[in-house]
C-alpha atoms as a PDB file:
ATOM      1  CA  MET A   1     -17.555  40.997 -50.073  1.00  0.00           C
ATOM      2  CA  ALA A   2     -18.129  39.637 -53.560  1.00  0.00           C
ATOM      3  CA  LEU A   3     -18.928  43.131 -54.846  1.00  0.00           C
ATOM      4  CA  MET A   4     -15.750  44.568 -53.372  1.00  0.00           C
ATOM      5  CA  GLY A   5     -13.773  41.701 -54.837  1.00  0.00           C
ATOM      6  CA  ASN A   6     -15.121  42.505 -58.307  1.00  0.00           C
ATOM      7  CA  LEU A   7     -14.136  46.146 -57.865  1.00  0.00           C
ATOM      8  CA  ARG A   8     -10.433  45.425 -57.299  1.00  0.00           C
ATOM      9  CA  GLY A   9      -8.333  47.180 -59.871  1.00  0.00           C
ATOM     10  CA  VAL A  10     -10.609  50.161 -60.385  1.00  0.00           C
ATOM     11  CA  GLY A  11      -9.970  53.538 -58.794  1.00  0.00           C
ATOM     12  CA  LEU A  12     -10.909  54.053 -55.173  1.00  0.00           C
ATOM     13  CA  ALA A  13     -13.279  56.909 -55.960  1.00  0.00           C
ATOM     14  CA  ALA A  14     -15.033  54.856 -58.636  1.00  0.00           C
ATOM     15  CA  ALA A  15     -15.339  51.854 -56.344  1.00  0.00           C
ATOM     16  CA  VAL A  16     -16.839  53.933 -53.584  1.00  0.00           C
ATOM     17  CA  SER A  17     -19.306  55.534 -56.021  1.00  0.00           C
ATOM     18  CA  VAL A  18     -20.476  52.128 -57.236  1.00  0.00           C
ATOM     19  CA  VAL A  19     -20.949  50.790 -53.717  1.00  0.00           C
ATOM     20  CA  VAL A  20     -22.846  53.897 -52.623  1.00  0.00           C
ATOM     21  CA  ALA A  21     -25.071  53.706 -55.692  1.00  0.00           C
ATOM     22  CA  VAL A  22     -25.858  50.021 -55.145  1.00  0.00           C
ATOM     23  CA  CYS A  23     -26.647  50.612 -51.468  1.00  0.00           C
ATOM     24  CA  ALA A  24     -28.886  53.552 -52.316  1.00  0.00           C
ATOM     25  CA  LEU A  25     -30.721  51.532 -54.982  1.00  0.00           C
ATOM     26  CA  GLY A  26     -31.262  48.687 -52.507  1.00  0.00           C
ATOM     27  CA  ALA A  27     -32.731  51.094 -49.974  1.00  0.00           C
ATOM     28  CA  VAL A  28     -35.126  52.568 -52.545  1.00  0.00           C
ATOM     29  CA  CYS A  29     -36.256  49.184 -53.809  1.00  0.00           C
ATOM     30  CA  ALA A  30     -36.879  48.021 -50.270  1.00  0.00           C
ATOM     31  CA  GLY A  31     -38.861  51.139 -49.514  1.00  0.00           C
ATOM     32  CA  SER A  32     -36.675  51.863 -46.497  1.00  0.00           C
ATOM     33  CA  LYS A  33     -35.925  55.303 -45.161  1.00  0.00           C
ATOM     34  CA  PRO A  34     -32.379  56.550 -44.471  1.00  0.00           C
ATOM     35  CA  GLN A  35     -31.422  56.222 -40.818  1.00  0.00           C
ATOM     36  CA  SER A  36     -28.918  58.327 -38.901  1.00  0.00           C
ATOM     37  CA  ALA A  37     -25.810  56.499 -37.718  1.00  0.00           C
ATOM     38  CA  ALA A  38     -25.955  55.501 -34.082  1.00  0.00           C
ATOM     39  CA  VAL A  39     -22.342  54.447 -33.741  1.00  0.00           C
ATOM     40  CA  VAL A  40     -18.919  55.715 -34.682  1.00  0.00           C
ATOM     41  CA  THR A  41     -17.918  54.442 -38.124  1.00  0.00           C
ATOM     42  CA  PRO A  42     -14.277  53.380 -37.824  1.00  0.00           C
ATOM     43  CA  THR A  43     -11.865  54.845 -40.319  1.00  0.00           C
ATOM     44  CA  PRO A  44     -11.286  52.178 -43.009  1.00  0.00           C
ATOM     45  CA  VAL A  45      -7.842  50.635 -42.725  1.00  0.00           C
ATOM     46  CA  ALA A  46      -6.128  50.372 -46.097  1.00  0.00           C
ATOM     47  CA  ASP A  47      -3.973  47.362 -46.901  1.00  0.00           C
ATOM     48  CA  SER A  48      -0.851  49.423 -46.215  1.00  0.00           C
ATOM     49  CA  GLU A  49      -2.034  50.717 -42.821  1.00  0.00           C
ATOM     50  CA  LYS A  50      -0.745  48.926 -39.766  1.00  0.00           C
ATOM     51  CA  PHE A  51      -3.540  49.108 -37.214  1.00  0.00           C
ATOM     52  CA  ARG A  52      -6.476  51.083 -35.843  1.00  0.00           C
ATOM     53  CA  VAL A  53      -6.647  53.025 -32.572  1.00  0.00           C
ATOM     54  CA  ILE A  54      -9.631  54.309 -30.589  1.00  0.00           C
ATOM     55  CA  ALA A  55      -9.150  57.216 -28.180  1.00  0.00           C
ATOM     56  CA  ILE A  56     -11.760  58.245 -25.624  1.00  0.00           C
ATOM     57  CA  ALA A  57     -11.233  61.889 -24.779  1.00  0.00           C
ATOM     58  CA  GLU A  58     -12.857  64.423 -22.504  1.00  0.00           C
ATOM     59  CA  HIS A  59     -14.660  66.947 -24.691  1.00  0.00           C
ATOM     60  CA  GLY A  60     -14.504  69.956 -22.397  1.00  0.00           C
ATOM     61  CA  GLY A  61     -13.396  71.327 -19.068  1.00  0.00           C
ATOM     62  CA  ILE A  62      -9.913  72.126 -17.847  1.00  0.00           C
ATOM     63  CA  HIS A  63      -8.297  69.303 -19.839  1.00  0.00           C
ATOM     64  CA  LYS A  64      -9.646  70.401 -23.218  1.00  0.00           C
ATOM     65  CA  PRO A  65      -6.402  72.205 -24.222  1.00  0.00           C
ATOM     66  CA  PHE A  66      -4.375  69.035 -23.534  1.00  0.00           C
ATOM     67  CA  VAL A  67      -6.888  66.860 -25.389  1.00  0.00           C
ATOM     68  CA  ASP A  68      -6.939  69.218 -28.378  1.00  0.00           C
ATOM     69  CA  ALA A  69      -3.137  69.223 -28.535  1.00  0.00           C
ATOM     70  CA  ALA A  70      -3.099  65.438 -28.202  1.00  0.00           C
ATOM     71  CA  LYS A  71      -5.495  65.016 -31.117  1.00  0.00           C
ATOM     72  CA  THR A  72      -3.384  67.271 -33.324  1.00  0.00           C
ATOM     73  CA  TRP A  73      -0.245  65.371 -32.389  1.00  0.00           C
ATOM     74  CA  LEU A  74      -1.883  61.944 -32.754  1.00  0.00           C
ATOM     75  CA  ASP A  75      -3.344  62.749 -36.162  1.00  0.00           C
ATOM     76  CA  LYS A  76       0.084  63.846 -37.385  1.00  0.00           C
ATOM     77  CA  LEU A  77       1.782  60.756 -35.966  1.00  0.00           C
ATOM     78  CA  ALA A  78      -0.883  58.463 -37.441  1.00  0.00           C
ATOM     79  CA  LYS A  79      -0.260  59.945 -40.876  1.00  0.00           C
ATOM     80  CA  GLU A  80       3.514  59.662 -40.526  1.00  0.00           C
ATOM     81  CA  LYS A  81       3.486  56.144 -39.081  1.00  0.00           C
ATOM     82  CA  ASN A  82       0.622  54.811 -41.175  1.00  0.00           C
ATOM     83  CA  PHE A  83      -2.064  53.877 -38.665  1.00  0.00           C
ATOM     84  CA  SER A  84      -5.594  55.205 -38.236  1.00  0.00           C
ATOM     85  CA  ILE A  85      -7.257  56.733 -35.191  1.00  0.00           C
ATOM     86  CA  ASP A  86     -10.858  57.434 -34.215  1.00  0.00           C
ATOM     87  CA  TYR A  87     -12.199  59.458 -31.286  1.00  0.00           C
ATOM     88  CA  ILE A  88     -15.185  59.150 -28.977  1.00  0.00           C
ATOM     89  CA  GLU A  89     -16.261  61.393 -26.091  1.00  0.00           C
ATOM     90  CA  ASP A  90     -18.238  58.947 -23.938  1.00  0.00           C
ATOM     91  CA  THR A  91     -18.654  55.204 -23.472  1.00  0.00           C
ATOM     92  CA  SER A  92     -22.128  54.808 -24.983  1.00  0.00           C
ATOM     93  CA  LYS A  93     -20.819  53.169 -28.172  1.00  0.00           C
ATOM     94  CA  ILE A  94     -18.429  50.727 -26.512  1.00  0.00           C
ATOM     95  CA  ASP A  95     -19.268  47.024 -26.648  1.00  0.00           C
ATOM     96  CA  ASP A  96     -17.466  43.842 -27.718  1.00  0.00           C
ATOM     97  CA  ASP A  97     -17.997  44.402 -31.442  1.00  0.00           C
ATOM     98  CA  PHE A  98     -16.876  48.013 -31.237  1.00  0.00           C
ATOM     99  CA  LEU A  99     -13.636  47.217 -29.407  1.00  0.00           C
ATOM    100  CA  ALA A 100     -12.896  44.288 -31.727  1.00  0.00           C
ATOM    101  CA  LYS A 101     -12.135  46.816 -34.474  1.00  0.00           C
ATOM    102  CA  TYR A 102      -9.199  48.320 -32.580  1.00  0.00           C
ATOM    103  CA  LYS A 103      -5.760  47.084 -31.531  1.00  0.00           C
ATOM    104  CA  LEU A 104      -5.255  49.934 -29.061  1.00  0.00           C
ATOM    105  CA  PHE A 105      -7.486  51.827 -26.625  1.00  0.00           C
ATOM    106  CA  ILE A 106      -6.204  55.223 -25.450  1.00  0.00           C
ATOM    107  CA  GLN A 107      -7.884  56.708 -22.391  1.00  0.00           C
ATOM    108  CA  LEU A 108      -7.034  60.325 -23.067  1.00  0.00           C
ATOM    109  CA  ASN A 109      -7.862  62.064 -19.784  1.00  0.00           C
ATOM    110  CA  TYR A 110     -11.141  60.203 -19.435  1.00  0.00           C
ATOM    111  CA  PRO A 111     -12.053  59.189 -15.862  1.00  0.00           C
ATOM    112  CA  PRO A 112     -12.666  55.628 -14.602  1.00  0.00           C
ATOM    113  CA  TYR A 113     -16.295  56.247 -13.665  1.00  0.00           C
ATOM    114  CA  GLY A 114     -19.632  56.961 -15.334  1.00  0.00           C
ATOM    115  CA  TRP A 115     -19.153  54.186 -17.901  1.00  0.00           C
ATOM    116  CA  THR A 116     -22.169  52.230 -19.123  1.00  0.00           C
ATOM    117  CA  ASP A 117     -22.422  48.688 -17.758  1.00  0.00           C
ATOM    118  CA  THR A 118     -21.945  47.287 -21.254  1.00  0.00           C
ATOM    119  CA  ALA A 119     -18.862  49.420 -21.886  1.00  0.00           C
ATOM    120  CA  ALA A 120     -17.311  48.477 -18.555  1.00  0.00           C
ATOM    121  CA  ALA A 121     -17.865  44.748 -19.118  1.00  0.00           C
ATOM    122  CA  SER A 122     -16.475  44.902 -22.649  1.00  0.00           C
ATOM    123  CA  PHE A 123     -13.443  46.915 -21.553  1.00  0.00           C
ATOM    124  CA  VAL A 124     -12.647  44.427 -18.782  1.00  0.00           C
ATOM    125  CA  LYS A 125     -12.825  41.581 -21.284  1.00  0.00           C
ATOM    126  CA  TYR A 126     -10.677  43.521 -23.760  1.00  0.00           C
ATOM    127  CA  ILE A 127      -7.942  43.990 -21.147  1.00  0.00           C
ATOM    128  CA  GLU A 128      -8.142  40.668 -19.315  1.00  0.00           C
ATOM    129  CA  GLN A 129      -8.192  38.614 -22.519  1.00  0.00           C
ATOM    130  CA  GLY A 130      -5.527  40.721 -24.214  1.00  0.00           C
ATOM    131  CA  LYS A 131      -7.710  41.614 -27.180  1.00  0.00           C
ATOM    132  CA  GLY A 132      -5.909  44.930 -27.516  1.00  0.00           C
ATOM    133  CA  GLY A 133      -3.536  47.273 -25.744  1.00  0.00           C
ATOM    134  CA  TRP A 134      -4.209  50.260 -23.478  1.00  0.00           C
ATOM    135  CA  ILE A 135      -2.628  53.618 -22.667  1.00  0.00           C
ATOM    136  CA  GLY A 136      -4.132  55.801 -19.953  1.00  0.00           C
ATOM    137  CA  PHE A 137      -3.304  59.391 -19.107  1.00  0.00           C
ATOM    138  CA  HIS A 138      -3.658  61.590 -16.055  1.00  0.00           C
ATOM    139  CA  HIS A 139      -7.400  61.502 -15.238  1.00  0.00           C
ATOM    140  CA  ALA A 140      -7.483  57.700 -15.652  1.00  0.00           C
ATOM    141  CA  THR A 141      -6.375  57.366 -12.001  1.00  0.00           C
ATOM    142  CA  LEU A 142      -9.116  59.622 -10.635  1.00  0.00           C
ATOM    143  CA  LEU A 143     -10.212  56.721  -8.464  1.00  0.00           C
ATOM    144  CA  GLY A 144     -12.637  57.415  -5.653  1.00  0.00           C
ATOM    145  CA  GLU A 145     -16.136  58.813  -5.244  1.00  0.00           C
ATOM    146  CA  PHE A 146     -16.619  61.545  -7.836  1.00  0.00           C
ATOM    147  CA  ASP A 147     -19.630  63.226  -9.424  1.00  0.00           C
ATOM    148  CA  GLY A 148     -22.001  60.880  -7.615  1.00  0.00           C
ATOM    149  CA  PHE A 149     -20.230  57.701  -8.773  1.00  0.00           C
ATOM    150  CA  GLN A 150     -18.636  55.070  -6.565  1.00  0.00           C
ATOM    151  CA  ILE A 151     -15.120  53.802  -7.122  1.00  0.00           C
ATOM    152  CA  TRP A 152     -14.772  51.122  -9.809  1.00  0.00           C
ATOM    153  CA  PRO A 153     -13.046  48.252  -7.917  1.00  0.00           C
ATOM    154  CA  TRP A 154     -11.756  46.492 -11.032  1.00  0.00           C
ATOM    155  CA  PHE A 155     -10.182  49.671 -12.377  1.00  0.00           C
ATOM    156  CA  ARG A 156      -8.668  50.424  -8.959  1.00  0.00           C
ATOM    157  CA  ASP A 157      -6.943  47.031  -9.062  1.00  0.00           C
ATOM    158  CA  PHE A 158      -5.962  47.603 -12.701  1.00  0.00           C
ATOM    159  CA  MET A 159      -4.124  50.747 -11.568  1.00  0.00           C
ATOM    160  CA  GLY A 160      -2.320  48.937  -8.771  1.00  0.00           C
ATOM    161  CA  GLY A 161      -4.888  49.091  -5.970  1.00  0.00           C
ATOM    162  CA  ILE A 162      -4.650  52.853  -5.461  1.00  0.00           C
ATOM    163  CA  ARG A 163      -7.171  55.522  -4.541  1.00  0.00           C
ATOM    164  CA  PHE A 164      -6.846  59.189  -5.494  1.00  0.00           C
ATOM    165  CA  LYS A 165      -5.980  61.300  -2.438  1.00  0.00           C
ATOM    166  CA  ASP A 166      -5.001  64.826  -3.497  1.00  0.00           C
ATOM    167  CA  TYR A 167      -3.338  66.921  -6.174  1.00  0.00           C
ATOM    168  CA  ILE A 168      -1.106  69.965  -6.412  1.00  0.00           C
ATOM    169  CA  ALA A 169      -3.582  72.548  -7.657  1.00  0.00           C
ATOM    170  CA  THR A 170      -0.935  75.276  -7.766  1.00  0.00           C
ATOM    171  CA  PHE A 171       1.232  73.246 -10.176  1.00  0.00           C
ATOM    172  CA  VAL A 172       4.923  72.487  -9.689  1.00  0.00           C
ATOM    173  CA  THR A 173       7.837  71.453 -11.865  1.00  0.00           C
ATOM    174  CA  GLY A 174       9.480  68.125 -11.115  1.00  0.00           C
ATOM    175  CA  THR A 175      12.202  65.804 -12.377  1.00  0.00           C
ATOM    176  CA  VAL A 176      11.153  62.337 -13.525  1.00  0.00           C
ATOM    177  CA  THR A 177      13.597  59.441 -13.216  1.00  0.00           C
ATOM    178  CA  VAL A 178      13.406  56.470 -15.570  1.00  0.00           C
ATOM    179  CA  GLU A 179      13.517  53.222 -13.577  1.00  0.00           C
ATOM    180  CA  ALA A 180      13.173  50.709 -16.416  1.00  0.00           C
ATOM    181  CA  PRO A 181      15.336  51.988 -19.287  1.00  0.00           C
ATOM    182  CA  ASP A 182      15.143  48.647 -21.107  1.00  0.00           C
ATOM    183  CA  HIS A 183      11.341  48.590 -21.218  1.00  0.00           C
ATOM    184  CA  PRO A 184      10.109  49.313 -24.786  1.00  0.00           C
ATOM    185  CA  VAL A 185       8.077  52.307 -23.572  1.00  0.00           C
ATOM    186  CA  MET A 186      11.196  53.959 -22.115  1.00  0.00           C
ATOM    187  CA  ARG A 187      13.729  53.222 -24.842  1.00  0.00           C
ATOM    188  CA  GLY A 188      15.453  56.324 -26.129  1.00  0.00           C
ATOM    189  CA  VAL A 189      14.152  58.400 -23.209  1.00  0.00           C
ATOM    190  CA  PRO A 190      16.720  60.332 -21.116  1.00  0.00           C
ATOM    191  CA  SER A 191      17.424  58.810 -17.705  1.00  0.00           C
ATOM    192  CA  GLN A 192      15.968  61.968 -16.167  1.00  0.00           C
ATOM    193  CA  PHE A 193      13.753  64.638 -17.662  1.00  0.00           C
ATOM    194  CA  VAL A 194      11.884  67.658 -16.381  1.00  0.00           C
ATOM    195  CA  VAL A 195       8.096  67.986 -16.473  1.00  0.00           C
ATOM    196  CA  ARG A 196       7.017  71.575 -16.026  1.00  0.00           C
ATOM    197  CA  ASP A 197       3.972  72.911 -14.209  1.00  0.00           C
ATOM    198  CA  GLU A 198       2.043  69.712 -13.589  1.00  0.00           C
ATOM    199  CA  GLU A 199      -0.666  69.089 -10.997  1.00  0.00           C
ATOM    200  CA  TRP A 200       0.923  65.914  -9.625  1.00  0.00           C
ATOM    201  CA  TYR A 201      -1.585  63.538  -8.049  1.00  0.00           C
ATOM    202  CA  THR A 202      -1.026  61.802  -4.743  1.00  0.00           C
ATOM    203  CA  TYR A 203      -2.630  58.463  -3.843  1.00  0.00           C
ATOM    204  CA  ASP A 204      -3.416  56.666  -0.628  1.00  0.00           C
ATOM    205  CA  LYS A 205      -0.426  54.408  -1.280  1.00  0.00           C
ATOM    206  CA  SER A 206       2.169  53.653  -3.924  1.00  0.00           C
ATOM    207  CA  PRO A 207       1.087  51.214  -6.657  1.00  0.00           C
ATOM    208  CA  ARG A 208       4.623  49.803  -6.776  1.00  0.00           C
ATOM    209  CA  PRO A 209       3.914  46.441  -5.061  1.00  0.00           C
ATOM    210  CA  ASN A 210       1.301  45.607  -7.694  1.00  0.00           C
ATOM    211  CA  VAL A 211       2.745  47.047 -10.902  1.00  0.00           C
ATOM    212  CA  HIS A 212       5.971  47.384 -12.874  1.00  0.00           C
ATOM    213  CA  VAL A 213       7.124  50.953 -12.298  1.00  0.00           C
ATOM    214  CA  LEU A 214       8.763  52.472 -15.369  1.00  0.00           C
ATOM    215  CA  ALA A 215       9.393  55.973 -14.013  1.00  0.00           C
ATOM    216  CA  SER A 216       8.861  58.032 -10.864  1.00  0.00           C
ATOM    217  CA  VAL A 217       8.997  61.687  -9.908  1.00  0.00           C
ATOM    218  CA  ASN A 218      11.596  62.871  -7.406  1.00  0.00           C
ATOM    219  CA  GLU A 219       9.498  64.967  -5.041  1.00  0.00           C
ATOM    220  CA  LYS A 220      12.652  66.682  -3.690  1.00  0.00           C
ATOM    221  CA  THR A 221      12.927  68.447  -7.052  1.00  0.00           C
ATOM    222  CA  TYR A 222       9.490  70.073  -6.840  1.00  0.00           C
ATOM    223  CA  THR A 223       9.695  73.750  -7.718  1.00  0.00           C
ATOM    224  CA  PRO A 224       8.226  75.563  -5.925  1.00  0.00           C
ATOM    225  CA  SER A 225       8.302  73.229  -2.938  1.00  0.00           C
ATOM    226  CA  THR A 226       5.048  71.819  -1.575  1.00  0.00           C
ATOM    227  CA  ASP A 227       3.936  69.725   1.371  1.00  0.00           C
ATOM    228  CA  LYS A 228       1.732  67.562  -0.877  1.00  0.00           C
ATOM    229  CA  LYS A 229       4.011  64.557  -1.257  1.00  0.00           C
ATOM    230  CA  MET A 230       3.626  60.791  -1.056  1.00  0.00           C
ATOM    231  CA  GLY A 231       7.259  59.632  -0.804  1.00  0.00           C
ATOM    232  CA  ASP A 232       7.615  56.802  -3.318  1.00  0.00           C
ATOM    233  CA  HIS A 233       5.823  58.385  -6.257  1.00  0.00           C
ATOM    234  CA  PRO A 234       5.572  56.326  -9.473  1.00  0.00           C
ATOM    235  CA  VAL A 235       4.215  58.246 -12.476  1.00  0.00           C
ATOM    236  CA  ILE A 236       4.531  55.714 -15.315  1.00  0.00           C
ATOM    237  CA  TRP A 237       3.765  52.036 -14.804  1.00  0.00           C
ATOM    238  CA  SER A 238       2.420  48.844 -16.360  1.00  0.00           C
ATOM    239  CA  ASN A 239       0.227  46.171 -14.769  1.00  0.00           C
ATOM    240  CA  GLU A 240       1.778  42.929 -15.946  1.00  0.00           C
ATOM    241  CA  HIS A 241      -0.814  40.728 -14.240  1.00  0.00           C
ATOM    242  CA  LEU A 242      -3.156  41.234 -17.202  1.00  0.00           C
ATOM    243  CA  LYS A 243      -2.833  39.923 -20.738  1.00  0.00           C
ATOM    244  CA  ALA A 244      -3.210  43.274 -22.456  1.00  0.00           C
ATOM    245  CA  ARG A 245      -0.089  45.365 -22.875  1.00  0.00           C
ATOM    246  CA  ASN A 246      -0.877  48.431 -20.835  1.00  0.00           C
ATOM    247  CA  VAL A 247       0.816  51.566 -19.567  1.00  0.00           C
ATOM    248  CA  TYR A 248      -0.382  54.434 -17.422  1.00  0.00           C
ATOM    249  CA  ILE A 249       1.288  57.817 -17.950  1.00  0.00           C
ATOM    250  CA  PHE A 250       0.401  60.316 -15.240  1.00  0.00           C
ATOM    251  CA  MET A 251       1.455  63.497 -17.060  1.00  0.00           C
ATOM    252  CA  GLY A 252      -1.391  64.913 -19.089  1.00  0.00           C
ATOM    253  CA  HIS A 253      -2.744  68.217 -17.856  1.00  0.00           C
ATOM    254  CA  ARG A 254      -1.094  70.835 -20.060  1.00  0.00           C
ATOM    255  CA  PRO A 255      -0.818  71.044 -23.870  1.00  0.00           C
ATOM    256  CA  GLU A 256       2.785  72.189 -23.474  1.00  0.00           C
ATOM    257  CA  HIS A 257       3.734  68.585 -22.700  1.00  0.00           C
ATOM    258  CA  PHE A 258       3.714  68.019 -26.460  1.00  0.00           C
ATOM    259  CA  GLU A 259       6.698  70.356 -26.674  1.00  0.00           C
ATOM    260  CA  ASN A 260       8.601  68.019 -24.341  1.00  0.00           C
ATOM    261  CA  SER A 261      10.562  65.528 -26.454  1.00  0.00           C
ATOM    262  CA  ALA A 262      10.771  63.000 -23.601  1.00  0.00           C
ATOM    263  CA  PHE A 263       6.993  63.003 -23.207  1.00  0.00           C
ATOM    264  CA  THR A 264       6.314  62.566 -26.937  1.00  0.00           C
ATOM    265  CA  LYS A 265       8.946  59.816 -27.154  1.00  0.00           C
ATOM    266  CA  ILE A 266       7.238  57.929 -24.321  1.00  0.00           C
ATOM    267  CA  PHE A 267       3.828  58.397 -25.938  1.00  0.00           C
ATOM    268  CA  THR A 268       5.090  57.198 -29.322  1.00  0.00           C
ATOM    269  CA  ASN A 269       6.833  54.177 -27.824  1.00  0.00           C
ATOM    270  CA  ALA A 270       3.719  53.327 -25.810  1.00  0.00           C
ATOM    271  CA  ILE A 271       1.457  53.370 -28.860  1.00  0.00           C
ATOM    272  CA  PHE A 272       3.462  50.829 -30.810  1.00  0.00           C
ATOM    273  CA  TRP A 273       4.369  48.640 -27.850  1.00  0.00           C
ATOM    274  CA  ALA A 274       0.815  48.452 -26.510  1.00  0.00           C
ATOM    275  CA  ALA A 275      -0.545  47.736 -29.993  1.00  0.00           C
ATOM    276  CA  GLY A 276       2.103  45.052 -30.515  1.00  0.00           C
ATOM    277  CA  GLU A 277       3.379  46.779 -33.634  1.00  0.00           C
ATOM    278  CA  ASP A 278       6.786  47.693 -35.052  1.00  0.00           C
ATOM    279  CA  PRO A 279       7.223  51.497 -34.993  1.00  0.00           C
ATOM    280  CA  ARG A 280       9.413  51.459 -38.110  1.00  0.00           C
END
C-alpha cells in the first residue's frame, strides 16, 4: 500500500512496471519459483469505476450461444456504464473472500446443483446477509434431481419453494405482462412485450405465494399452442425475504433475446438495482 501511495502521480504503465519489477526482484531474492494462479484475478476497479460484477456462466452445451451473446452485451454495457465484470465457469473458486470483491453475482444460465460445499455456504451467506446482489437466468430454476445431484433445499426456497416439472422443448412465442411497473427492475419496460421462441419452464406450483412477482407470461398467447401450461405462470420475480436484492429472470435460452429491447432494459435495470447503484 505504501508503494502504491508513492507511485501516485506517475503514469499507469510506469507504475505497473515498477510494481512488477519489485515483485519479480523479491521473488528472485527469496529464491522462490513462479507459481501459476489458482484463482480468478478480479479486474482492478479504477477510482472512476462504480462497482465489480462476477458472472458464473455455462461454458458449453445448448446455452452457449445465449451465454456468448450475454458476455458480448455485458462487456459493452460495462464499458458504457463504467463498471467491471469477471467471468467464471464453475464454483471451484467461490468462497467468502472471493465474493467479497463483488457487489453483484449474476448466475448466467448456471444450474443450482453441483456446487462445492464451500461455494454453496459462501453464496448462502452472501445472499442472506445482503453482502451483494443477485440476478439469475433461466437454468437457475432447474431445481430437482439432475445429473446425479439432489435438489438444493435452500436454493429451492430461494426461488419460492418450486421444483422444475417440465419445459416446452418445441419452443413457443408468448406475451409477458408486467405486474409491478413501479419496481426498479421494470421501470421503462412496456406493460406487455413478446418473447419469441422460448422453452418456457413449468414448475410443480407457482412461486407467487413466496415471492414478489414482477412479470408473468400469459399462456393463452402461446404460439403455437401447447398443452404444457401451469396456469399462474410468473417469469420474473424477487424474493424479498432475504437481505440481498435479487431477481430471477426466466428468459435466457436464445441469443436473439438481446435483440429484444424489453429484455435488455430489464437486464440493465436489474444490474444496477441489485448492485444498489445509480445507472446514470
